[in-house]
Protein backbone atom coordinates (compact mmCIF):
# COMPACT_ATOMS: atom_id res chain seq x y z
CA MET A 1 92.41 105.28 87.89
CA LEU A 2 89.28 103.19 88.34
CA GLY A 3 87.12 106.24 87.70
CA THR A 4 88.74 106.85 84.33
CA LEU A 5 88.17 103.23 83.30
CA GLY A 6 84.50 103.49 84.14
CA THR A 7 84.49 100.63 86.68
CA ALA A 8 83.97 102.84 89.71
CA SER A 9 83.13 106.43 90.51
CA ALA A 10 85.91 108.92 91.11
CA GLY A 11 85.03 109.16 94.79
CA ALA A 12 85.51 105.43 95.28
CA ALA A 13 88.93 105.62 93.63
CA ILE A 14 90.08 108.44 95.91
CA SER A 15 88.69 106.99 99.13
CA PRO A 16 91.53 104.52 99.91
CA ALA A 17 94.08 107.30 99.50
CA LEU A 18 92.19 109.46 101.98
CA ARG A 19 92.07 106.62 104.51
CA VAL A 20 95.84 106.32 104.35
CA LEU A 21 96.22 110.06 104.97
CA ASN A 22 93.96 110.19 108.06
CA ILE A 23 96.65 109.69 110.66
CA PRO A 24 99.32 111.96 109.08
CA LEU A 25 96.77 114.76 108.60
CA LEU A 26 95.50 114.33 112.17
CA ILE A 27 99.06 114.52 113.50
CA LEU A 28 99.74 117.61 111.38
CA THR A 29 96.56 119.26 112.68
CA VAL A 30 97.46 118.55 116.30
CA LEU A 31 101.02 119.80 115.83
CA MET A 32 99.97 123.04 114.12
CA LEU A 33 97.23 123.85 116.62
CA GLY A 34 99.48 122.85 119.51
CA ARG A 35 102.21 125.22 118.34
CA ALA A 36 99.70 128.02 117.83
CA TRP A 37 98.31 127.57 121.35
CA TYR A 38 101.84 127.37 122.79
CA LEU A 39 102.81 130.65 121.13
CA GLU A 40 99.52 132.28 122.11
CA LEU A 41 99.76 131.35 125.77
CA GLU A 42 103.46 132.11 126.08
CA THR A 43 103.22 135.65 124.70
CA THR A 44 100.31 136.91 126.79
CA ASP A 45 100.92 140.32 128.31
CA HIS A 46 98.80 142.54 130.48
CA TRP A 47 98.14 144.80 127.51
CA ARG A 48 96.76 143.02 124.47
CA GLY A 49 96.17 144.96 121.30
CA PHE A 50 93.41 144.58 118.77
CA TRP A 51 95.32 142.09 116.59
CA ALA A 52 96.25 139.90 119.55
CA GLN A 53 92.62 139.71 120.67
CA ARG A 54 91.48 138.99 117.13
CA SER A 55 94.07 136.25 116.65
CA ARG A 56 92.98 134.54 119.87
CA LYS A 57 89.36 134.51 118.68
CA ILE A 58 90.39 133.04 115.34
CA LEU A 59 92.53 130.43 117.08
CA ILE A 60 89.61 129.42 119.31
CA ALA A 61 87.27 129.21 116.32
CA SER A 62 89.72 127.18 114.23
CA THR A 63 90.30 124.77 117.12
CA MET A 64 86.56 124.23 117.55
CA VAL A 65 86.04 123.71 113.80
CA SER A 66 88.93 121.24 113.70
CA VAL A 67 87.55 119.25 116.64
CA VAL A 68 84.09 119.12 115.07
CA ILE A 69 85.37 118.04 111.65
CA TRP A 70 87.68 115.35 113.05
CA GLY A 71 84.92 114.20 115.40
CA LEU A 72 82.54 113.82 112.47
CA ARG A 73 85.24 112.04 110.48
CA PHE A 74 85.96 109.49 113.22
CA GLY A 75 82.26 109.20 113.96
CA GLY A 76 81.63 108.01 110.43
CA LEU A 77 79.49 110.96 109.37
CA LEU A 78 82.04 112.27 106.83
CA GLY A 79 82.63 109.09 104.89
CA ALA A 80 83.66 105.68 106.13
CA ARG A 81 85.34 105.37 109.50
CA PRO A 82 89.12 105.44 109.23
CA PHE A 83 89.62 102.27 111.27
């Protein structure tokens, strides 16, 4: 709203909304990755096909990317610190 009135940039108008969403989005990320890891570790067999090996690699990569992004966010390198 402030961006359309010309009193502030659009990024400044969106920033408070993103601060409010930090905790819900962090909880959602942890729940989704936790469920994925639970399903991955529960369904391991002695024989793992190509798709199972590929999905594990993608799960590892997405977990690392998520940790890096949230670490940068809480470190203050991706905008203001949430707290």
